[in-house]
Amino acid sequence: MSTQVSLKGKPKRLAVLDYGLFEVHAGPRTIGICGFVVETEADEVVLIDTGFPAKYAVDADAATAEDELGSFGRVLSVTYDNLPEAQLALLGLVKSDVTLMIQSHTHIDHVGDMAGYPQAPILISADERALPRPLYWSGKQAMEWPARDYIELTEDTSIGDGFEVLHCPGHAPGQLAFMVRLPQTGWIMLTSDAISRASEIDEKFAGSWDDDLAIHHGDRLMALAKARDAFVIFGHSPEQWPELKKAPHWFQ
C-alpha cells in the first residue's frame, strides 16, 4: 500500500466507455453505465472503473438472480461489446496498456473487472479499501479484494498536472470524483456517483450511504465546476447519457 502517485505527463485526451444500460426501479429511470480512459502526453493510460462483472454479458438474468439485484433494478443491455476489453479496443488499446486503474467506488456496476489489470496499481479511497470486501451489492458481498498494489487516498489529491482526484464520501464511504484538464476542451469534471444526475441535487441525495455528506460534496463539486467553467459528466444521467460522446471518440 502507498499513498502517492504521480503521472509523468499531462492529460492529452479522455474517452467515455459505454458499459451498458440499466433500469433503476425507482422512477423508473434508464441509466448508462460508464467508465473513462485518460491518456497522457507520456503515453500513460488511466482507466477509471470497469462496469458490471462479465457474467452479466453471459446471462444477465442468471447473474441478477445470483446477486439478488432484482430488488434494485434490471439490466437492459450488457453485452460483450460493453465489457472493458471491447471498449478499450475501440480506442486501439488492450488491457495490458493500462498503467493506472482507479476505482471511483466499489458498487457492482463499477467494480466488475477490477482484478483484470495485474500490471497496474489501483488508486482508491482508503475508506473504501478498509472495507472487508468491495461493496458490490447490498447484502451480497460476492467479491474479494484482488492482490494488487493499492494507492489509498484520504483527501483531494493531484496525481499530475491537470488531473485531480476529489475525495467525496456520501454515495459510498470512499466515493471519488475527478477533474481533468484537456488541451482543447479545458476542464472536465467526472462526478461519478458523487452526483449521479443533476436532479439528485434537488432530491438532496436521498438514499445515499450518508445523505448529509453527499449534499456537502455535491455542492462543492458544482461550485468547483462553475469556478473552472468545467464540462460536467454526471455518473448516471438519463438525460445526458444518450447524447454523450463515447468511445471510439475522444474529448481532447
C-alpha atoms as a PDB file:
ATOM      1  CA  MET A   1       0.000   0.000   0.000  1.00  0.00           C
ATOM      2  CA  SER A   2       1.189   3.509  -0.833  1.00  0.00           C
ATOM      3  CA  THR A   3      -0.357   6.956  -0.670  1.00  0.00           C
ATOM      4  CA  GLN A   4       1.367   8.625  -3.594  1.00  0.00           C
ATOM      5  CA  VAL A   5       1.165   8.507  -7.355  1.00  0.00           C
ATOM      6  CA  SER A   6       2.488  10.967  -9.886  1.00  0.00           C
ATOM      7  CA  LEU A   7       1.685  10.887 -13.574  1.00  0.00           C
ATOM      8  CA  LYS A   8       4.583  11.833 -15.821  1.00  0.00           C
ATOM      9  CA  GLY A   9       2.511  13.572 -18.477  1.00  0.00           C
ATOM     10  CA  LYS A  10      -0.415  15.983 -18.648  1.00  0.00           C
ATOM     11  CA  PRO A  11      -3.790  14.596 -19.743  1.00  0.00           C
ATOM     12  CA  LYS A  12      -3.946  14.567 -23.543  1.00  0.00           C
ATOM     13  CA  ARG A  13      -7.406  13.159 -24.200  1.00  0.00           C
ATOM     14  CA  LEU A  14     -10.325  11.461 -22.468  1.00  0.00           C
ATOM     15  CA  ALA A  15     -12.832   8.867 -23.661  1.00  0.00           C
ATOM     16  CA  VAL A  16     -16.145   7.762 -22.172  1.00  0.00           C
ATOM     17  CA  LEU A  17     -16.630   3.990 -22.093  1.00  0.00           C
ATOM     18  CA  ASP A  18     -20.093   2.506 -22.615  1.00  0.00           C
ATOM     19  CA  TYR A  19     -20.583  -0.366 -20.186  1.00  0.00           C
ATOM     20  CA  GLY A  20     -24.278  -0.842 -20.962  1.00  0.00           C
ATOM     21  CA  LEU A  21     -27.751   0.190 -19.819  1.00  0.00           C
ATOM     22  CA  PHE A  22     -29.586  -0.438 -16.574  1.00  0.00           C
ATOM     23  CA  GLU A  23     -33.104   0.368 -15.427  1.00  0.00           C
ATOM     24  CA  VAL A  24     -33.443   1.530 -11.838  1.00  0.00           C
ATOM     25  CA  HIS A  25     -36.873   0.616 -10.475  1.00  0.00           C
ATOM     26  CA  ALA A  26     -37.101   3.926  -8.590  1.00  0.00           C
ATOM     27  CA  GLY A  27     -38.519   6.371 -11.103  1.00  0.00           C
ATOM     28  CA  PRO A  28     -38.163   4.204 -13.087  1.00  0.00           C
ATOM     29  CA  ARG A  29     -35.183   5.599 -14.958  1.00  0.00           C
ATOM     30  CA  THR A  30     -32.804   4.211 -17.554  1.00  0.00           C
ATOM     31  CA  ILE A  31     -29.151   4.910 -16.860  1.00  0.00           C
ATOM     32  CA  GLY A  32     -25.925   4.391 -18.732  1.00  0.00           C
ATOM     33  CA  ILE A  33     -23.052   2.616 -17.030  1.00  0.00           C
ATOM     34  CA  CYS A  34     -19.828   4.464 -17.748  1.00  0.00           C
ATOM     35  CA  GLY A  35     -16.107   4.281 -17.338  1.00  0.00           C
ATOM     36  CA  PHE A  36     -13.331   6.524 -18.583  1.00  0.00           C
ATOM     37  CA  VAL A  37      -9.900   6.366 -20.154  1.00  0.00           C
ATOM     38  CA  VAL A  38      -7.469   9.240 -19.778  1.00  0.00           C
ATOM     39  CA  GLU A  39      -4.320   9.211 -21.921  1.00  0.00           C
ATOM     40  CA  THR A  40      -1.415  11.453 -21.005  1.00  0.00           C
ATOM     41  CA  GLU A  41       1.295  13.101 -23.080  1.00  0.00           C
ATOM     42  CA  ALA A  42       3.671  10.469 -21.657  1.00  0.00           C
ATOM     43  CA  ASP A  43       1.505   7.668 -23.123  1.00  0.00           C
ATOM     44  CA  GLU A  44       0.168   6.658 -19.727  1.00  0.00           C
ATOM     45  CA  VAL A  45      -3.281   5.061 -19.813  1.00  0.00           C
ATOM     46  CA  VAL A  46      -5.536   5.641 -16.815  1.00  0.00           C
ATOM     47  CA  LEU A  47      -8.697   3.522 -16.593  1.00  0.00           C
ATOM     48  CA  ILE A  48     -11.495   4.679 -14.286  1.00  0.00           C
ATOM     49  CA  ASP A  49     -13.999   1.927 -13.378  1.00  0.00           C
ATOM     50  CA  THR A  50     -14.833  -1.300 -15.196  1.00  0.00           C
ATOM     51  CA  GLY A  51     -18.625  -1.759 -15.243  1.00  0.00           C
ATOM     52  CA  PHE A  52     -20.591  -4.885 -14.392  1.00  0.00           C
ATOM     53  CA  PRO A  53     -18.950  -8.303 -13.944  1.00  0.00           C
ATOM     54  CA  ALA A  54     -18.577 -10.221 -17.216  1.00  0.00           C
ATOM     55  CA  LYS A  55     -21.187 -12.772 -16.111  1.00  0.00           C
ATOM     56  CA  TYR A  56     -23.847 -10.144 -16.902  1.00  0.00           C
ATOM     57  CA  ALA A  57     -22.861 -10.308 -20.575  1.00  0.00           C
ATOM     58  CA  VAL A  58     -23.118 -14.101 -20.491  1.00  0.00           C
ATOM     59  CA  ASP A  59     -26.559 -14.327 -18.844  1.00  0.00           C
ATOM     60  CA  ALA A  60     -27.919 -11.167 -17.259  1.00  0.00           C
ATOM     61  CA  ASP A  61     -30.967 -12.869 -15.759  1.00  0.00           C
ATOM     62  CA  ALA A  62     -28.917 -15.568 -14.044  1.00  0.00           C
ATOM     63  CA  ALA A  63     -26.378 -13.035 -12.783  1.00  0.00           C
ATOM     64  CA  THR A  64     -29.149 -10.789 -11.456  1.00  0.00           C
ATOM     65  CA  ALA A  65     -30.675 -13.706  -9.574  1.00  0.00           C
ATOM     66  CA  GLU A  66     -27.311 -14.772  -8.172  1.00  0.00           C
ATOM     67  CA  ASP A  67     -26.542 -11.265  -6.924  1.00  0.00           C
ATOM     68  CA  GLU A  68     -30.120 -10.574  -5.764  1.00  0.00           C
ATOM     69  CA  LEU A  69     -30.043  -7.358  -7.772  1.00  0.00           C
ATOM     70  CA  GLY A  70     -33.637  -7.538  -8.922  1.00  0.00           C
ATOM     71  CA  SER A  71     -34.954  -5.549  -5.976  1.00  0.00           C
ATOM     72  CA  PHE A  72     -32.979  -2.530  -7.204  1.00  0.00           C
ATOM     73  CA  GLY A  73     -33.365  -2.761 -10.958  1.00  0.00           C
ATOM     74  CA  ARG A  74     -32.653  -4.767 -14.091  1.00  0.00           C
ATOM     75  CA  VAL A  75     -30.011  -4.915 -16.765  1.00  0.00           C
ATOM     76  CA  LEU A  76     -31.355  -3.669 -20.085  1.00  0.00           C
ATOM     77  CA  SER A  77     -28.216  -4.264 -22.119  1.00  0.00           C
ATOM     78  CA  VAL A  78     -24.794  -5.519 -21.103  1.00  0.00           C
ATOM     79  CA  THR A  79     -23.136  -7.361 -23.982  1.00  0.00           C
ATOM     80  CA  TYR A  80     -19.605  -8.461 -24.746  1.00  0.00           C
ATOM     81  CA  ASP A  81     -19.242  -5.156 -26.609  1.00  0.00           C
ATOM     82  CA  ASN A  82     -19.833  -3.372 -23.293  1.00  0.00           C
ATOM     83  CA  LEU A  83     -17.038  -5.143 -21.428  1.00  0.00           C
ATOM     84  CA  PRO A  84     -13.775  -3.254 -20.822  1.00  0.00           C
ATOM     85  CA  GLU A  85     -11.725  -5.273 -23.305  1.00  0.00           C
ATOM     86  CA  ALA A  86     -14.064  -4.401 -26.179  1.00  0.00           C
ATOM     87  CA  GLN A  87     -14.413  -0.773 -25.113  1.00  0.00           C
ATOM     88  CA  LEU A  88     -10.640  -0.361 -24.904  1.00  0.00           C
ATOM     89  CA  ALA A  89     -10.314  -1.955 -28.343  1.00  0.00           C
ATOM     90  CA  LEU A  90     -12.472   0.823 -29.793  1.00  0.00           C
ATOM     91  CA  LEU A  91      -9.669   3.171 -28.730  1.00  0.00           C
ATOM     92  CA  GLY A  92      -6.890   0.982 -30.139  1.00  0.00           C
ATOM     93  CA  LEU A  93      -5.936  -0.214 -26.659  1.00  0.00           C
ATOM     94  CA  VAL A  94      -5.650  -3.550 -24.892  1.00  0.00           C
ATOM     95  CA  LYS A  95      -5.980  -4.252 -21.193  1.00  0.00           C
ATOM     96  CA  SER A  96      -2.215  -4.580 -20.743  1.00  0.00           C
ATOM     97  CA  ASP A  97      -1.832  -0.948 -21.899  1.00  0.00           C
ATOM     98  CA  VAL A  98      -3.455   0.301 -18.679  1.00  0.00           C
ATOM     99  CA  THR A  99      -0.797   1.827 -16.426  1.00  0.00           C
ATOM    100  CA  LEU A 100      -3.070   3.013 -13.591  1.00  0.00           C
ATOM    101  CA  MET A 101      -6.518   1.834 -12.594  1.00  0.00           C
ATOM    102  CA  ILE A 102      -8.832   3.977 -10.477  1.00  0.00           C
ATOM    103  CA  GLN A 103     -11.883   2.771  -8.581  1.00  0.00           C
ATOM    104  CA  SER A 104     -14.322   5.627  -8.060  1.00  0.00           C
ATOM    105  CA  HIS A 105     -16.042   3.325  -5.533  1.00  0.00           C
ATOM    106  CA  THR A 106     -16.847  -0.369  -5.392  1.00  0.00           C
ATOM    107  CA  HIS A 107     -20.515  -0.831  -6.268  1.00  0.00           C
ATOM    108  CA  ILE A 108     -21.346  -3.662  -8.649  1.00  0.00           C
ATOM    109  CA  ASP A 109     -21.656  -1.512 -11.794  1.00  0.00           C
ATOM    110  CA  HIS A 110     -18.188  -0.023 -11.320  1.00  0.00           C
ATOM    111  CA  VAL A 111     -16.075  -2.875 -10.000  1.00  0.00           C
ATOM    112  CA  GLY A 112     -16.762  -5.826 -12.298  1.00  0.00           C
ATOM    113  CA  ASP A 113     -13.289  -6.170 -13.829  1.00  0.00           C
ATOM    114  CA  MET A 114     -11.235  -4.647 -11.033  1.00  0.00           C
ATOM    115  CA  ALA A 115      -8.986  -7.711 -10.954  1.00  0.00           C
ATOM    116  CA  GLY A 116      -8.303  -7.634 -14.692  1.00  0.00           C
ATOM    117  CA  TYR A 117      -5.197  -5.404 -14.759  1.00  0.00           C
ATOM    118  CA  PRO A 118      -2.440  -7.122 -12.775  1.00  0.00           C
ATOM    119  CA  GLN A 119       0.215  -4.810 -14.223  1.00  0.00           C
ATOM    120  CA  ALA A 120      -1.464  -1.663 -12.870  1.00  0.00           C
ATOM    121  CA  PRO A 121      -1.748  -0.360  -9.309  1.00  0.00           C
ATOM    122  CA  ILE A 122      -5.242   0.502  -8.103  1.00  0.00           C
ATOM    123  CA  LEU A 123      -5.937   4.002  -6.820  1.00  0.00           C
ATOM    124  CA  ILE A 124      -8.839   4.026  -4.371  1.00  0.00           C
ATOM    125  CA  SER A 125     -10.108   5.821  -1.288  1.00  0.00           C
ATOM    126  CA  ALA A 126      -8.583   4.471   1.906  1.00  0.00           C
ATOM    127  CA  ASP A 127     -12.099   4.374   3.391  1.00  0.00           C
ATOM    128  CA  GLU A 128     -13.299   2.088   0.612  1.00  0.00           C
ATOM    129  CA  ARG A 129     -10.224  -0.136   0.747  1.00  0.00           C
ATOM    130  CA  ALA A 130     -10.656  -0.522   4.521  1.00  0.00           C
ATOM    131  CA  LEU A 131     -13.937  -2.389   3.983  1.00  0.00           C
ATOM    132  CA  PRO A 132     -13.696  -6.161   4.487  1.00  0.00           C
ATOM    133  CA  ARG A 133     -14.728  -6.616   0.845  1.00  0.00           C
ATOM    134  CA  PRO A 134     -15.753  -4.344  -2.021  1.00  0.00           C
ATOM    135  CA  LEU A 135     -19.302  -3.017  -1.560  1.00  0.00           C
ATOM    136  CA  TYR A 136     -20.545  -4.878  -4.655  1.00  0.00           C
ATOM    137  CA  TRP A 137     -24.265  -5.003  -3.863  1.00  0.00           C
ATOM    138  CA  SER A 138     -26.177  -4.540  -0.636  1.00  0.00           C
ATOM    139  CA  GLY A 139     -26.242  -7.738   1.362  1.00  0.00           C
ATOM    140  CA  LYS A 140     -24.405  -9.683  -1.322  1.00  0.00           C
ATOM    141  CA  GLN A 141     -20.685  -9.098  -0.978  1.00  0.00           C
ATOM    142  CA  ALA A 142     -19.501 -11.526  -3.613  1.00  0.00           C
ATOM    143  CA  MET A 143     -16.050 -10.141  -4.374  1.00  0.00           C
ATOM    144  CA  GLU A 144     -12.718 -10.279  -2.618  1.00  0.00           C
ATOM    145  CA  TRP A 145     -10.064  -7.600  -2.911  1.00  0.00           C
ATOM    146  CA  PRO A 146      -7.609  -8.556  -5.657  1.00  0.00           C
ATOM    147  CA  ALA A 147      -3.960  -8.854  -4.647  1.00  0.00           C
ATOM    148  CA  ARG A 148      -2.599  -5.595  -6.048  1.00  0.00           C
ATOM    149  CA  ASP A 149      -0.561  -2.571  -5.110  1.00  0.00           C
ATOM    150  CA  TYR A 150      -3.111  -0.082  -3.766  1.00  0.00           C
ATOM    151  CA  ILE A 151      -2.686   3.670  -3.683  1.00  0.00           C
ATOM    152  CA  GLU A 152      -5.024   4.825  -0.913  1.00  0.00           C
ATOM    153  CA  LEU A 153      -6.265   8.405  -0.750  1.00  0.00           C
ATOM    154  CA  THR A 154      -7.731  10.175   2.255  1.00  0.00           C
ATOM    155  CA  GLU A 155      -8.250  13.644   0.758  1.00  0.00           C
ATOM    156  CA  ASP A 156      -8.336  15.575  -2.503  1.00  0.00           C
ATOM    157  CA  THR A 157      -5.121  14.790  -4.328  1.00  0.00           C
ATOM    158  CA  SER A 158      -3.432  15.968  -7.511  1.00  0.00           C
ATOM    159  CA  ILE A 159      -1.944  12.936  -9.251  1.00  0.00           C
ATOM    160  CA  GLY A 160      -0.423  15.027 -12.033  1.00  0.00           C
ATOM    161  CA  ASP A 161      -0.564  18.380 -13.785  1.00  0.00           C
ATOM    162  CA  GLY A 162      -4.230  18.763 -14.725  1.00  0.00           C
ATOM    163  CA  PHE A 163      -5.529  15.583 -13.057  1.00  0.00           C
ATOM    164  CA  GLU A 164      -7.191  15.948  -9.652  1.00  0.00           C
ATOM    165  CA  VAL A 165      -8.855  13.174  -7.652  1.00  0.00           C
ATOM    166  CA  LEU A 166     -11.532  14.534  -5.305  1.00  0.00           C
ATOM    167  CA  HIS A 167     -12.482  12.673  -2.134  1.00  0.00           C
ATOM    168  CA  CYS A 168     -16.267  12.896  -1.878  1.00  0.00           C
ATOM    169  CA  PRO A 169     -17.788  10.384   0.564  1.00  0.00           C
ATOM    170  CA  GLY A 170     -21.556  10.324   0.599  1.00  0.00           C
ATOM    171  CA  HIS A 171     -22.885   7.990  -2.074  1.00  0.00           C
ATOM    172  CA  ALA A 172     -20.329   5.472  -0.816  1.00  0.00           C
ATOM    173  CA  PRO A 173     -17.809   5.620   2.042  1.00  0.00           C
ATOM    174  CA  GLY A 174     -14.915   6.226  -0.337  1.00  0.00           C
ATOM    175  CA  GLN A 175     -16.550   7.902  -3.317  1.00  0.00           C
ATOM    176  CA  LEU A 176     -14.148   9.680  -5.668  1.00  0.00           C
ATOM    177  CA  ALA A 177     -14.752  12.292  -8.366  1.00  0.00           C
ATOM    178  CA  PHE A 178     -12.283  13.751 -10.862  1.00  0.00           C
ATOM    179  CA  MET A 179     -11.190  16.974 -12.553  1.00  0.00           C
ATOM    180  CA  VAL A 180      -9.201  16.564 -15.759  1.00  0.00           C
ATOM    181  CA  ARG A 181      -7.839  19.450 -17.842  1.00  0.00           C
ATOM    182  CA  LEU A 182      -7.523  18.769 -21.571  1.00  0.00           C
ATOM    183  CA  PRO A 183      -5.636  20.864 -24.144  1.00  0.00           C
ATOM    184  CA  GLN A 184      -8.716  21.872 -26.182  1.00  0.00           C
ATOM    185  CA  THR A 185     -11.747  21.167 -24.011  1.00  0.00           C
ATOM    186  CA  GLY A 186     -10.324  22.606 -20.821  1.00  0.00           C
ATOM    187  CA  TRP A 187     -11.569  21.241 -17.508  1.00  0.00           C
ATOM    188  CA  ILE A 188     -13.889  18.236 -17.432  1.00  0.00           C
ATOM    189  CA  MET A 189     -15.460  17.166 -14.163  1.00  0.00           C
ATOM    190  CA  LEU A 190     -16.307  13.480 -13.812  1.00  0.00           C
ATOM    191  CA  THR A 191     -18.691  13.393 -10.859  1.00  0.00           C
ATOM    192  CA  SER A 192     -19.077   9.610 -10.861  1.00  0.00           C
ATOM    193  CA  ASP A 193     -21.778   8.736  -8.338  1.00  0.00           C
ATOM    194  CA  ALA A 194     -20.942  11.694  -6.114  1.00  0.00           C
ATOM    195  CA  ILE A 195     -23.615  13.287  -8.354  1.00  0.00           C
ATOM    196  CA  SER A 196     -25.245  10.612 -10.446  1.00  0.00           C
ATOM    197  CA  ARG A 197     -27.588  13.044 -12.211  1.00  0.00           C
ATOM    198  CA  ALA A 198     -28.389  16.742 -11.950  1.00  0.00           C
ATOM    199  CA  SER A 199     -31.809  16.108 -10.381  1.00  0.00           C
ATOM    200  CA  GLU A 200     -30.129  14.306  -7.476  1.00  0.00           C
ATOM    201  CA  ILE A 201     -29.048  17.720  -6.157  1.00  0.00           C
ATOM    202  CA  ASP A 202     -32.677  18.834  -5.779  1.00  0.00           C
ATOM    203  CA  GLU A 203     -33.576  15.438  -4.337  1.00  0.00           C
ATOM    204  CA  LYS A 204     -30.987  16.001  -1.570  1.00  0.00           C
ATOM    205  CA  PHE A 205     -29.219  12.752  -2.480  1.00  0.00           C
ATOM    206  CA  ALA A 206     -31.894  10.701  -0.738  1.00  0.00           C
ATOM    207  CA  GLY A 207     -30.856   7.094  -0.225  1.00  0.00           C
ATOM    208  CA  SER A 208     -27.116   7.723  -0.157  1.00  0.00           C
ATOM    209  CA  TRP A 209     -24.818   5.968   2.289  1.00  0.00           C
ATOM    210  CA  ASP A 210     -24.642   9.372   4.057  1.00  0.00           C
ATOM    211  CA  ASP A 211     -27.095  11.957   2.736  1.00  0.00           C
ATOM    212  CA  ASP A 212     -25.521  14.923   4.537  1.00  0.00           C
ATOM    213  CA  LEU A 213     -22.036  14.168   3.232  1.00  0.00           C
ATOM    214  CA  ALA A 214     -23.424  13.640  -0.248  1.00  0.00           C
ATOM    215  CA  ILE A 215     -25.118  17.048  -0.146  1.00  0.00           C
ATOM    216  CA  HIS A 216     -21.927  18.717   1.102  1.00  0.00           C
ATOM    217  CA  HIS A 217     -19.710  17.233  -1.576  1.00  0.00           C
ATOM    218  CA  GLY A 218     -22.297  17.652  -4.305  1.00  0.00           C
ATOM    219  CA  ASP A 219     -22.425  21.368  -3.526  1.00  0.00           C
ATOM    220  CA  ARG A 220     -18.652  21.758  -3.520  1.00  0.00           C
ATOM    221  CA  LEU A 221     -18.246  19.812  -6.770  1.00  0.00           C
ATOM    222  CA  MET A 222     -20.743  22.014  -8.583  1.00  0.00           C
ATOM    223  CA  ALA A 223     -19.107  25.140  -7.147  1.00  0.00           C
ATOM    224  CA  LEU A 224     -15.704  23.943  -8.359  1.00  0.00           C
ATOM    225  CA  ALA A 225     -17.101  23.128 -11.797  1.00  0.00           C
ATOM    226  CA  LYS A 226     -18.618  26.592 -12.030  1.00  0.00           C
ATOM    227  CA  ALA A 227     -15.411  28.288 -10.903  1.00  0.00           C
ATOM    228  CA  ARG A 228     -13.410  26.490 -13.589  1.00  0.00           C
ATOM    229  CA  ASP A 229     -16.101  26.595 -16.278  1.00  0.00           C
ATOM    230  CA  ALA A 230     -15.822  22.806 -16.449  1.00  0.00           C
ATOM    231  CA  PHE A 231     -17.867  20.494 -18.627  1.00  0.00           C
ATOM    232  CA  VAL A 232     -19.628  18.159 -16.185  1.00  0.00           C
ATOM    233  CA  ILE A 233     -20.166  14.483 -16.963  1.00  0.00           C
ATOM    234  CA  PHE A 234     -22.561  13.011 -14.426  1.00  0.00           C
ATOM    235  CA  GLY A 235     -22.290   9.430 -13.213  1.00  0.00           C
ATOM    236  CA  HIS A 236     -25.656   8.085 -14.421  1.00  0.00           C
ATOM    237  CA  SER A 237     -27.653  10.837 -16.094  1.00  0.00           C
ATOM    238  CA  PRO A 238     -30.679   9.602 -18.093  1.00  0.00           C
ATOM    239  CA  GLU A 239     -30.776  12.936 -19.913  1.00  0.00           C
ATOM    240  CA  GLN A 240     -27.068  13.309 -20.682  1.00  0.00           C
ATOM    241  CA  TRP A 241     -26.104   9.732 -21.487  1.00  0.00           C
ATOM    242  CA  PRO A 242     -27.831   9.305 -24.885  1.00  0.00           C
ATOM    243  CA  GLU A 243     -26.145  12.437 -26.261  1.00  0.00           C
ATOM    244  CA  LEU A 244     -22.742  11.997 -24.653  1.00  0.00           C
ATOM    245  CA  LYS A 245     -19.770  11.401 -26.940  1.00  0.00           C
ATOM    246  CA  LYS A 246     -18.376   7.933 -26.295  1.00  0.00           C
ATOM    247  CA  ALA A 247     -15.554   5.647 -27.474  1.00  0.00           C
ATOM    248  CA  PRO A 248     -14.162   5.461 -30.107  1.00  0.00           C
ATOM    249  CA  HIS A 249     -14.442   9.257 -29.948  1.00  0.00           C
ATOM    250  CA  TRP A 250     -12.235  11.355 -27.663  1.00  0.00           C
ATOM    251  CA  PHE A 251     -12.502  14.613 -25.795  1.00  0.00           C
ATOM    252  CA  GLN A 252      -9.221  16.416 -26.483  1.00  0.00           C
END
